[in-house]
Amino acid sequence: MLLFFPVSASGWICYAEKTHGSFLVPHLSTARSPQQVMGSLVKDFFAQQQHLTPDRIYHVTVMPCYDKKLEASRPDFFSQEYQTRDVDCVVTTGEVFKLLEEEGVSLSELEPAPLDSLCNSASAQEPTSHRGGGSGGYLEHVFRHAARELFGIHVDEVTYRPLRNKDFQEVTLEKEGRVLLHFAAAYGFRNIQNLVQKLKRGRCPYHYVEVMACPAGCLNGGGQLKAPGTTSKELLQHVQMLYDAVTVQVPEDAPGVQELYEHWLQGEGSERIGRLLHTSYRAVEMASSGLSIRW
């Protein structure tokens, strides 16, 4: 079975639905992107905590990608009951930078403020992340989990093997000469198109593929801010360095996660998990008179 995990690649989802809809859609993971999971947290969990209805909260996200605006506007993420979206406004990092410039504000001159927390038991003294690429991908986490749960093998370090270029890499788990798991990371549309062609020819050997529309992933998103006097390559390297410096934590061990699953989501496998943390994708029909989208 092949599973494509888009993580936060809204551009990839648009491509999959519009260009190869019925062919690719069955392989897409139904897990919501981090942006839309946060939408559920804010408009459902946080709203309950504050004794507010979802329409009383205006939720803004800051993203490195213009396509996240399109994702937030999907009908699946709109509440008919309260006439509100899970994410009301998406602002790119580049747009935030311009807004600060217009107001004459420099982030480096501002006093740091403590991080907020949605959960009572969570400690939010510093940001944390999970092991993975600069896009917040879950390939490494899923790989380790699958190795442990399916084969009883504990993987300490995940080793990537570059193929045609650094944006198309493989990860394998082998035992006694037999390949147990075969994962891949494909970033950028050139690699995505090559991957799709492999799949169409029946020559795609992967169990799981992490896909990002932008070369180098979301850290290199089209909405990222531009630093004067710094090349795109230098800026990407610097952002990657900062990202790698963030404290690493296994997702299920993050403060507040167990509390959320127990009290908000009502346990693993509940109906609320399917409704609040997952979504669905549909093929887009191309009408002869123009584009006809069927969600």
C-alpha atoms as a PDB file:
ATOM      1  CA  MET A   1       0.000   0.000   0.000  1.00  0.00           C
ATOM      2  CA  LEU A   2       1.281   3.443  -0.939  1.00  0.00           C
ATOM      3  CA  LEU A   3       0.469   6.405   1.286  1.00  0.00           C
ATOM      4  CA  PHE A   4       1.228  10.006   0.344  1.00  0.00           C
ATOM      5  CA  PHE A   5       1.518  12.262   3.375  1.00  0.00           C
ATOM      6  CA  PRO A   6       1.208  15.924   2.373  1.00  0.00           C
ATOM      7  CA  VAL A   7       1.908  17.390   5.818  1.00  0.00           C
ATOM      8  CA  SER A   8       1.335  20.990   4.887  1.00  0.00           C
ATOM      9  CA  ALA A   9       1.816  20.953   1.132  1.00  0.00           C
ATOM     10  CA  SER A  10      -1.321  22.692  -0.059  1.00  0.00           C
ATOM     11  CA  GLY A  11       0.156  23.147  -3.537  1.00  0.00           C
ATOM     12  CA  TRP A  12       0.660  19.398  -3.798  1.00  0.00           C
ATOM     13  CA  ILE A  13      -2.953  18.755  -2.783  1.00  0.00           C
ATOM     14  CA  CYS A  14      -4.234  21.138  -5.487  1.00  0.00           C
ATOM     15  CA  TYR A  15      -2.040  19.390  -8.039  1.00  0.00           C
ATOM     16  CA  ALA A  16      -3.176  15.928  -6.948  1.00  0.00           C
ATOM     17  CA  GLU A  17      -6.889  16.803  -6.988  1.00  0.00           C
ATOM     18  CA  LYS A  18      -6.890  18.749 -10.259  1.00  0.00           C
ATOM     19  CA  THR A  19      -4.323  16.900 -12.360  1.00  0.00           C
ATOM     20  CA  HIS A  20      -4.505  13.256 -11.281  1.00  0.00           C
ATOM     21  CA  GLY A  21      -7.589  13.275  -9.074  1.00  0.00           C
ATOM     22  CA  SER A  22      -9.057   9.770  -9.205  1.00  0.00           C
ATOM     23  CA  PHE A  23      -5.560   8.285  -9.578  1.00  0.00           C
ATOM     24  CA  LEU A  24      -3.811   9.999  -6.651  1.00  0.00           C
ATOM     25  CA  VAL A  25      -6.583  10.925  -4.205  1.00  0.00           C
ATOM     26  CA  PRO A  26      -7.049   7.346  -2.850  1.00  0.00           C
ATOM     27  CA  HIS A  27      -3.390   7.385  -1.764  1.00  0.00           C
ATOM     28  CA  LEU A  28      -3.511  10.673   0.170  1.00  0.00           C
ATOM     29  CA  SER A  29      -3.355  10.586   3.944  1.00  0.00           C
ATOM     30  CA  THR A  30      -6.529  11.990   5.495  1.00  0.00           C
ATOM     31  CA  ALA A  31      -4.653  13.580   8.421  1.00  0.00           C
ATOM     32  CA  ARG A  32      -5.157  17.346   8.493  1.00  0.00           C
ATOM     33  CA  SER A  33      -2.219  19.674   8.071  1.00  0.00           C
ATOM     34  CA  PRO A  34      -0.759  21.320  11.196  1.00  0.00           C
ATOM     35  CA  GLN A  35      -2.521  24.566  10.261  1.00  0.00           C
ATOM     36  CA  GLN A  36      -5.921  22.906  10.158  1.00  0.00           C
ATOM     37  CA  VAL A  37      -5.323  20.834  13.290  1.00  0.00           C
ATOM     38  CA  MET A  38      -4.581  24.127  15.019  1.00  0.00           C
ATOM     39  CA  GLY A  39      -7.833  25.426  13.554  1.00  0.00           C
ATOM     40  CA  SER A  40      -9.710  22.637  15.319  1.00  0.00           C
ATOM     41  CA  LEU A  41      -7.832  23.287  18.553  1.00  0.00           C
ATOM     42  CA  VAL A  42      -8.625  26.995  18.525  1.00  0.00           C
ATOM     43  CA  LYS A  43     -12.228  26.918  17.315  1.00  0.00           C
ATOM     44  CA  ASP A  44     -13.281  23.834  19.304  1.00  0.00           C
ATOM     45  CA  PHE A  45     -11.012  23.092  22.286  1.00  0.00           C
ATOM     46  CA  PHE A  46      -9.945  26.656  23.093  1.00  0.00           C
ATOM     47  CA  ALA A  47     -13.452  27.994  22.458  1.00  0.00           C
ATOM     48  CA  GLN A  48     -14.843  25.523  24.991  1.00  0.00           C
ATOM     49  CA  GLN A  49     -12.203  26.522  27.531  1.00  0.00           C
ATOM     50  CA  GLN A  50     -13.107  30.189  27.134  1.00  0.00           C
ATOM     51  CA  HIS A  51     -16.871  29.492  27.104  1.00  0.00           C
ATOM     52  CA  LEU A  52     -17.174  31.062  23.666  1.00  0.00           C
ATOM     53  CA  THR A  53     -18.801  30.003  20.436  1.00  0.00           C
ATOM     54  CA  PRO A  54     -16.327  29.512  17.524  1.00  0.00           C
ATOM     55  CA  ASP A  55     -17.615  32.560  15.659  1.00  0.00           C
ATOM     56  CA  ARG A  56     -16.490  34.776  18.580  1.00  0.00           C
ATOM     57  CA  ILE A  57     -12.839  33.906  17.900  1.00  0.00           C
ATOM     58  CA  TYR A  58     -10.812  35.274  14.981  1.00  0.00           C
ATOM     59  CA  HIS A  59      -8.001  32.842  14.243  1.00  0.00           C
ATOM     60  CA  VAL A  60      -4.929  34.013  12.298  1.00  0.00           C
ATOM     61  CA  THR A  61      -2.014  31.787  11.235  1.00  0.00           C
ATOM     62  CA  VAL A  62       1.419  32.839   9.977  1.00  0.00           C
ATOM     63  CA  MET A  63       2.715  30.577   7.208  1.00  0.00           C
ATOM     64  CA  PRO A  64       5.579  30.441   4.680  1.00  0.00           C
ATOM     65  CA  CYS A  65       3.189  29.532   1.862  1.00  0.00           C
ATOM     66  CA  TYR A  66       0.535  31.392  -0.128  1.00  0.00           C
ATOM     67  CA  ASP A  67      -1.319  28.141  -0.802  1.00  0.00           C
ATOM     68  CA  LYS A  68      -2.180  27.884   2.895  1.00  0.00           C
ATOM     69  CA  LYS A  69      -4.709  30.660   2.225  1.00  0.00           C
ATOM     70  CA  LEU A  70      -6.385  28.376  -0.297  1.00  0.00           C
ATOM     71  CA  GLU A  71      -6.322  25.482   2.145  1.00  0.00           C
ATOM     72  CA  ALA A  72      -8.009  27.550   4.864  1.00  0.00           C
ATOM     73  CA  SER A  73     -10.815  28.405   2.438  1.00  0.00           C
ATOM     74  CA  ARG A  74     -11.744  24.772   1.710  1.00  0.00           C
ATOM     75  CA  PRO A  75     -15.420  24.032   2.476  1.00  0.00           C
ATOM     76  CA  ASP A  76     -14.386  21.127   4.738  1.00  0.00           C
ATOM     77  CA  PHE A  77     -12.970  23.642   7.198  1.00  0.00           C
ATOM     78  CA  PHE A  78     -16.069  25.832   7.448  1.00  0.00           C
ATOM     79  CA  SER A  79     -18.702  25.467  10.177  1.00  0.00           C
ATOM     80  CA  GLN A  80     -22.210  25.828   8.766  1.00  0.00           C
ATOM     81  CA  GLU A  81     -23.617  25.916  12.293  1.00  0.00           C
ATOM     82  CA  TYR A  82     -21.558  28.921  13.375  1.00  0.00           C
ATOM     83  CA  GLN A  83     -20.781  30.372   9.931  1.00  0.00           C
ATOM     84  CA  THR A  84     -17.057  30.559  10.650  1.00  0.00           C
ATOM     85  CA  ARG A  85     -13.850  29.016   9.345  1.00  0.00           C
ATOM     86  CA  ASP A  86     -11.367  27.025  11.413  1.00  0.00           C
ATOM     87  CA  VAL A  87      -8.713  29.483  10.203  1.00  0.00           C
ATOM     88  CA  ASP A  88     -10.070  32.955   9.475  1.00  0.00           C
ATOM     89  CA  CYS A  89      -6.948  34.556   8.035  1.00  0.00           C
ATOM     90  CA  VAL A  90      -3.588  33.318   6.764  1.00  0.00           C
ATOM     91  CA  VAL A  91      -0.681  35.773   6.647  1.00  0.00           C
ATOM     92  CA  THR A  92       2.664  34.779   5.133  1.00  0.00           C
ATOM     93  CA  THR A  93       5.943  35.506   6.884  1.00  0.00           C
ATOM     94  CA  GLY A  94       6.781  37.909   4.057  1.00  0.00           C
ATOM     95  CA  GLU A  95       3.523  39.769   4.621  1.00  0.00           C
ATOM     96  CA  VAL A  96       4.189  39.996   8.364  1.00  0.00           C
ATOM     97  CA  PHE A  97       7.622  41.469   7.617  1.00  0.00           C
ATOM     98  CA  LYS A  98       6.052  44.108   5.337  1.00  0.00           C
ATOM     99  CA  LEU A  99       3.427  44.978   7.942  1.00  0.00           C
ATOM    100  CA  LEU A 100       6.114  45.462  10.591  1.00  0.00           C
ATOM    101  CA  GLU A 101       8.145  47.625   8.201  1.00  0.00           C
ATOM    102  CA  GLU A 102       5.116  49.811   7.511  1.00  0.00           C
ATOM    103  CA  GLU A 103       4.627  50.292  11.258  1.00  0.00           C
ATOM    104  CA  GLY A 104       8.315  50.952  11.855  1.00  0.00           C
ATOM    105  CA  VAL A 105       8.630  47.929  14.157  1.00  0.00           C
ATOM    106  CA  SER A 106      11.772  45.815  14.424  1.00  0.00           C
ATOM    107  CA  LEU A 107      11.365  42.370  15.999  1.00  0.00           C
ATOM    108  CA  SER A 108      14.948  42.394  17.254  1.00  0.00           C
ATOM    109  CA  GLU A 109      14.170  45.448  19.396  1.00  0.00           C
ATOM    110  CA  LEU A 110      11.075  43.961  21.070  1.00  0.00           C
ATOM    111  CA  GLU A 111      11.114  42.329  24.491  1.00  0.00           C
ATOM    112  CA  PRO A 112      10.567  38.540  24.406  1.00  0.00           C
ATOM    113  CA  ALA A 113       7.239  37.311  25.773  1.00  0.00           C
ATOM    114  CA  PRO A 114       6.382  33.882  27.215  1.00  0.00           C
ATOM    115  CA  LEU A 115       4.634  31.408  24.963  1.00  0.00           C
ATOM    116  CA  ASP A 116       0.956  30.727  25.513  1.00  0.00           C
ATOM    117  CA  SER A 117      -0.386  27.226  26.063  1.00  0.00           C
ATOM    118  CA  LEU A 118      -3.736  25.723  25.181  1.00  0.00           C
ATOM    119  CA  CYS A 119      -3.494  23.024  27.857  1.00  0.00           C
ATOM    120  CA  ASN A 120      -3.436  23.443  31.609  1.00  0.00           C
ATOM    121  CA  SER A 121      -0.763  20.779  32.071  1.00  0.00           C
ATOM    122  CA  ALA A 122       1.487  21.952  29.250  1.00  0.00           C
ATOM    123  CA  SER A 123       4.724  23.800  29.825  1.00  0.00           C
ATOM    124  CA  ALA A 124       5.378  26.331  27.082  1.00  0.00           C
ATOM    125  CA  GLN A 125       8.715  27.773  28.139  1.00  0.00           C
ATOM    126  CA  GLU A 126      10.232  27.172  24.708  1.00  0.00           C
ATOM    127  CA  PRO A 127       9.083  25.889  21.314  1.00  0.00           C
ATOM    128  CA  THR A 128       9.635  22.211  20.527  1.00  0.00           C
ATOM    129  CA  SER A 129       9.529  20.168  17.358  1.00  0.00           C
ATOM    130  CA  HIS A 130       9.736  16.548  16.286  1.00  0.00           C
ATOM    131  CA  ARG A 131      12.518  14.931  14.293  1.00  0.00           C
ATOM    132  CA  GLY A 132      12.130  15.607  10.608  1.00  0.00           C
ATOM    133  CA  GLY A 133      12.977  17.889   7.737  1.00  0.00           C
ATOM    134  CA  GLY A 134      12.716  21.641   7.669  1.00  0.00           C
ATOM    135  CA  SER A 135       9.093  21.391   6.713  1.00  0.00           C
ATOM    136  CA  GLY A 136       7.925  19.714   9.882  1.00  0.00           C
ATOM    137  CA  GLY A 137       7.524  16.444   8.002  1.00  0.00           C
ATOM    138  CA  TYR A 138       6.504  13.275   9.789  1.00  0.00           C
ATOM    139  CA  LEU A 139       8.454  10.783   7.680  1.00  0.00           C
ATOM    140  CA  GLU A 140      11.011  10.085  10.403  1.00  0.00           C
ATOM    141  CA  HIS A 141       8.389   9.767  13.130  1.00  0.00           C
ATOM    142  CA  VAL A 142       6.193   7.429  11.062  1.00  0.00           C
ATOM    143  CA  PHE A 143       9.249   5.415  10.009  1.00  0.00           C
ATOM    144  CA  ARG A 144      10.382   4.884  13.601  1.00  0.00           C
ATOM    145  CA  HIS A 145       6.850   4.107  14.772  1.00  0.00           C
ATOM    146  CA  ALA A 146       6.232   1.605  11.970  1.00  0.00           C
ATOM    147  CA  ALA A 147       9.582  -0.100  12.559  1.00  0.00           C
ATOM    148  CA  ARG A 148       8.814  -0.494  16.252  1.00  0.00           C
ATOM    149  CA  GLU A 149       5.135  -1.458  16.035  1.00  0.00           C
ATOM    150  CA  LEU A 150       5.298  -3.696  12.941  1.00  0.00           C
ATOM    151  CA  PHE A 151       8.700  -5.339  13.314  1.00  0.00           C
ATOM    152  CA  GLY A 152       9.851  -4.688  16.890  1.00  0.00           C
ATOM    153  CA  ILE A 153      12.880  -2.759  15.643  1.00  0.00           C
ATOM    154  CA  HIS A 154      13.990   0.434  17.383  1.00  0.00           C
ATOM    155  CA  VAL A 155      15.534   2.913  14.964  1.00  0.00           C
ATOM    156  CA  ASP A 156      17.861   5.503  16.496  1.00  0.00           C
ATOM    157  CA  GLU A 157      19.031   7.350  13.396  1.00  0.00           C
ATOM    158  CA  VAL A 158      17.152   7.629  10.110  1.00  0.00           C
ATOM    159  CA  THR A 159      19.562   7.585   7.150  1.00  0.00           C
ATOM    160  CA  TYR A 160      18.485   9.278   3.917  1.00  0.00           C
ATOM    161  CA  ARG A 161      19.833   8.160   0.549  1.00  0.00           C
ATOM    162  CA  PRO A 162      19.670  10.885  -2.119  1.00  0.00           C
ATOM    163  CA  LEU A 163      18.524   9.776  -5.573  1.00  0.00           C
ATOM    164  CA  ARG A 164      18.519  12.169  -8.547  1.00  0.00           C
ATOM    165  CA  ASN A 165      18.916  15.210  -6.309  1.00  0.00           C
ATOM    166  CA  LYS A 166      18.849  16.243  -2.642  1.00  0.00           C
ATOM    167  CA  ASP A 167      15.086  16.851  -2.821  1.00  0.00           C
ATOM    168  CA  PHE A 168      14.323  13.219  -3.667  1.00  0.00           C
ATOM    169  CA  GLN A 169      15.585  10.835  -0.989  1.00  0.00           C
ATOM    170  CA  GLU A 170      14.836   7.307   0.184  1.00  0.00           C
ATOM    171  CA  VAL A 171      14.788   5.689   3.610  1.00  0.00           C
ATOM    172  CA  THR A 172      14.744   1.904   4.011  1.00  0.00           C
ATOM    173  CA  LEU A 173      14.506  -0.557   6.874  1.00  0.00           C
ATOM    174  CA  GLU A 174      16.223  -3.856   6.132  1.00  0.00           C
ATOM    175  CA  LYS A 175      16.632  -7.096   8.040  1.00  0.00           C
ATOM    176  CA  GLU A 176      18.640 -10.080   6.859  1.00  0.00           C
ATOM    177  CA  GLY A 177      18.783  -8.678   3.332  1.00  0.00           C
ATOM    178  CA  ARG A 178      15.021  -8.110   3.095  1.00  0.00           C
ATOM    179  CA  VAL A 179      13.479  -4.620   2.767  1.00  0.00           C
ATOM    180  CA  LEU A 180      10.802  -4.209   5.430  1.00  0.00           C
ATOM    181  CA  LEU A 181      10.001  -0.524   4.954  1.00  0.00           C
ATOM    182  CA  HIS A 182      10.668   1.682   1.943  1.00  0.00           C
ATOM    183  CA  PHE A 183       9.908   5.392   2.421  1.00  0.00           C
ATOM    184  CA  ALA A 184      10.719   8.443   0.311  1.00  0.00           C
ATOM    185  CA  ALA A 185      10.706  12.237   0.537  1.00  0.00           C
ATOM    186  CA  ALA A 186       9.888  14.106  -2.688  1.00  0.00           C
ATOM    187  CA  TYR A 187      10.135  17.898  -2.638  1.00  0.00           C
ATOM    188  CA  GLY A 188       9.420  20.166  -5.625  1.00  0.00           C
ATOM    189  CA  PHE A 189       7.177  19.546  -8.614  1.00  0.00           C
ATOM    190  CA  ARG A 190       9.930  18.100 -10.795  1.00  0.00           C
ATOM    191  CA  ASN A 191      10.362  15.257  -8.317  1.00  0.00           C
ATOM    192  CA  ILE A 192       6.618  14.970  -7.744  1.00  0.00           C
ATOM    193  CA  GLN A 193       6.009  14.517 -11.481  1.00  0.00           C
ATOM    194  CA  ASN A 194       8.719  11.854 -11.678  1.00  0.00           C
ATOM    195  CA  LEU A 195       7.129  10.095  -8.721  1.00  0.00           C
ATOM    196  CA  VAL A 196       3.672  10.165 -10.335  1.00  0.00           C
ATOM    197  CA  GLN A 197       5.074   8.711 -13.552  1.00  0.00           C
ATOM    198  CA  LYS A 198       6.675   5.888 -11.559  1.00  0.00           C
ATOM    199  CA  LEU A 199       3.337   5.189  -9.917  1.00  0.00           C
ATOM    200  CA  LYS A 200       1.503   5.150 -13.250  1.00  0.00           C
ATOM    201  CA  ARG A 201       4.016   2.690 -14.680  1.00  0.00           C
ATOM    202  CA  GLY A 202       3.618   0.452 -11.656  1.00  0.00           C
ATOM    203  CA  ARG A 203       7.241   1.016 -10.663  1.00  0.00           C
ATOM    204  CA  CYS A 204       6.769   2.925  -7.417  1.00  0.00           C
ATOM    205  CA  PRO A 205       8.218   0.753  -4.621  1.00  0.00           C
ATOM    206  CA  TYR A 206       7.360   2.969  -1.654  1.00  0.00           C
ATOM    207  CA  HIS A 207       5.096   2.335   1.318  1.00  0.00           C
ATOM    208  CA  TYR A 208       5.045   6.008   2.311  1.00  0.00           C
ATOM    209  CA  VAL A 209       6.030   9.220   0.541  1.00  0.00           C
ATOM    210  CA  GLU A 210       6.373  12.614   2.165  1.00  0.00           C
ATOM    211  CA  VAL A 211       5.530  15.237  -0.467  1.00  0.00           C
ATOM    212  CA  MET A 212       6.252  18.974  -0.484  1.00  0.00           C
ATOM    213  CA  ALA A 213       5.446  21.254  -3.407  1.00  0.00           C
ATOM    214  CA  CYS A 214       8.437  23.562  -2.850  1.00  0.00           C
ATOM    215  CA  PRO A 215      12.061  22.520  -3.430  1.00  0.00           C
ATOM    216  CA  ALA A 216      13.730  22.180  -0.004  1.00  0.00           C
ATOM    217  CA  GLY A 217      10.261  22.084   1.579  1.00  0.00           C
ATOM    218  CA  CYS A 218       8.249  24.705   3.420  1.00  0.00           C
ATOM    219  CA  LEU A 219      11.259  26.579   4.779  1.00  0.00           C
ATOM    220  CA  ASN A 220      11.703  27.615   1.156  1.00  0.00           C
ATOM    221  CA  GLY A 221       8.017  28.468   0.671  1.00  0.00           C
ATOM    222  CA  GLY A 222       6.917  31.119  -1.792  1.00  0.00           C
ATOM    223  CA  GLY A 223       5.551  33.274   1.036  1.00  0.00           C
ATOM    224  CA  GLN A 224       8.776  33.378   3.033  1.00  0.00           C
ATOM    225  CA  LEU A 225      10.248  36.776   3.833  1.00  0.00           C
ATOM    226  CA  LYS A 226      13.239  38.028   1.875  1.00  0.00           C
ATOM    227  CA  ALA A 227      16.271  39.341   3.744  1.00  0.00           C
ATOM    228  CA  PRO A 228      17.922  42.377   2.104  1.00  0.00           C
ATOM    229  CA  GLY A 229      21.508  41.666   1.099  1.00  0.00           C
ATOM    230  CA  THR A 230      21.096  37.908   1.585  1.00  0.00           C
ATOM    231  CA  THR A 231      20.728  35.366  -1.205  1.00  0.00           C
ATOM    232  CA  SER A 232      17.864  32.872  -1.128  1.00  0.00           C
ATOM    233  CA  LYS A 233      20.345  30.044  -0.579  1.00  0.00           C
ATOM    234  CA  GLU A 234      22.024  31.796   2.353  1.00  0.00           C
ATOM    235  CA  LEU A 235      18.674  32.642   3.926  1.00  0.00           C
ATOM    236  CA  LEU A 236      17.470  29.052   3.556  1.00  0.00           C
ATOM    237  CA  GLN A 237      20.644  27.736   5.202  1.00  0.00           C
ATOM    238  CA  HIS A 238      20.241  30.167   8.090  1.00  0.00           C
ATOM    239  CA  VAL A 239      16.571  29.300   8.607  1.00  0.00           C
ATOM    240  CA  GLN A 240      17.431  25.582   8.484  1.00  0.00           C
ATOM    241  CA  MET A 241      20.102  26.130  11.137  1.00  0.00           C
ATOM    242  CA  LEU A 242      17.614  27.909  13.414  1.00  0.00           C
ATOM    243  CA  TYR A 243      15.038  25.178  12.827  1.00  0.00           C
ATOM    244  CA  ASP A 244      17.561  22.451  13.671  1.00  0.00           C
ATOM    245  CA  ALA A 245      18.349  24.235  16.959  1.00  0.00           C
ATOM    246  CA  VAL A 246      14.773  23.813  18.244  1.00  0.00           C
ATOM    247  CA  THR A 247      14.418  21.237  21.022  1.00  0.00           C
ATOM    248  CA  VAL A 248      13.329  17.843  19.645  1.00  0.00           C
ATOM    249  CA  GLN A 249      10.501  15.920  21.290  1.00  0.00           C
ATOM    250  CA  VAL A 250       8.522  12.821  20.377  1.00  0.00           C
ATOM    251  CA  PRO A 251       5.026  14.102  19.414  1.00  0.00           C
ATOM    252  CA  GLU A 252       3.090  11.841  21.768  1.00  0.00           C
ATOM    253  CA  ASP A 253       5.313  12.908  24.680  1.00  0.00           C
ATOM    254  CA  ALA A 254       4.750  16.634  24.130  1.00  0.00           C
ATOM    255  CA  PRO A 255       3.121  18.359  27.118  1.00  0.00           C
ATOM    256  CA  GLY A 256      -0.653  18.405  26.856  1.00  0.00           C
ATOM    257  CA  VAL A 257      -1.015  15.827  24.082  1.00  0.00           C
ATOM    258  CA  GLN A 258      -2.281  13.030  26.327  1.00  0.00           C
ATOM    259  CA  GLU A 259      -4.626  15.461  28.055  1.00  0.00           C
ATOM    260  CA  LEU A 260      -6.060  16.513  24.701  1.00  0.00           C
ATOM    261  CA  TYR A 261      -6.623  12.930  23.588  1.00  0.00           C
ATOM    262  CA  GLU A 262      -8.242  11.929  26.866  1.00  0.00           C
ATOM    263  CA  HIS A 263     -10.474  14.915  27.573  1.00  0.00           C
ATOM    264  CA  TRP A 264     -11.008  16.784  24.308  1.00  0.00           C
ATOM    265  CA  LEU A 265     -10.911  13.967  21.750  1.00  0.00           C
ATOM    266  CA  GLN A 266     -12.436  11.347  24.076  1.00  0.00           C
ATOM    267  CA  GLY A 267      -9.793   8.677  23.528  1.00  0.00           C
ATOM    268  CA  GLU A 268      -7.992   7.116  20.586  1.00  0.00           C
ATOM    269  CA  GLY A 269     -10.195   5.986  17.719  1.00  0.00           C
ATOM    270  CA  SER A 270     -13.114   8.201  18.732  1.00  0.00           C
ATOM    271  CA  GLU A 271     -15.548   9.834  16.326  1.00  0.00           C
ATOM    272  CA  ARG A 272     -14.212  13.245  17.337  1.00  0.00           C
ATOM    273  CA  ILE A 273     -10.715  12.347  16.129  1.00  0.00           C
ATOM    274  CA  GLY A 274     -12.040  11.511  12.678  1.00  0.00           C
ATOM    275  CA  ARG A 275     -14.059  14.712  12.557  1.00  0.00           C
ATOM    276  CA  LEU A 276     -11.531  17.162  14.041  1.00  0.00           C
ATOM    277  CA  LEU A 277      -8.139  15.807  12.987  1.00  0.00           C
ATOM    278  CA  HIS A 278      -8.898  14.320   9.573  1.00  0.00           C
ATOM    279  CA  THR A 279     -10.326  15.505   6.277  1.00  0.00           C
ATOM    280  CA  SER A 280     -11.016  14.158   2.795  1.00  0.00           C
ATOM    281  CA  TYR A 281      -9.874  14.970  -0.720  1.00  0.00           C
ATOM    282  CA  ARG A 282     -11.834  14.770  -3.956  1.00  0.00           C
ATOM    283  CA  ALA A 283     -11.035  14.720  -7.631  1.00  0.00           C
ATOM    284  CA  VAL A 284     -11.652  18.009  -9.400  1.00  0.00           C
ATOM    285  CA  GLU A 285     -13.531  17.772 -12.684  1.00  0.00           C
ATOM    286  CA  MET A 286     -12.277  19.873 -15.586  1.00  0.00           C
ATOM    287  CA  ALA A 287     -15.288  21.129 -17.540  1.00  0.00           C
ATOM    288  CA  SER A 288     -14.909  22.045 -21.222  1.00  0.00           C
ATOM    289  CA  SER A 289     -16.189  25.576 -20.552  1.00  0.00           C
ATOM    290  CA  GLY A 290     -13.755  26.130 -17.701  1.00  0.00           C
ATOM    291  CA  LEU A 291     -12.862  24.677 -14.325  1.00  0.00           C
ATOM    292  CA  SER A 292     -15.673  22.999 -12.448  1.00  0.00           C
ATOM    293  CA  ILE A 293     -14.680  22.070  -8.923  1.00  0.00           C
ATOM    294  CA  ARG A 294     -16.581  19.339  -7.124  1.00  0.00           C
ATOM    295  CA  TRP A 295     -15.661  19.122  -3.436  1.00  0.00           C
END
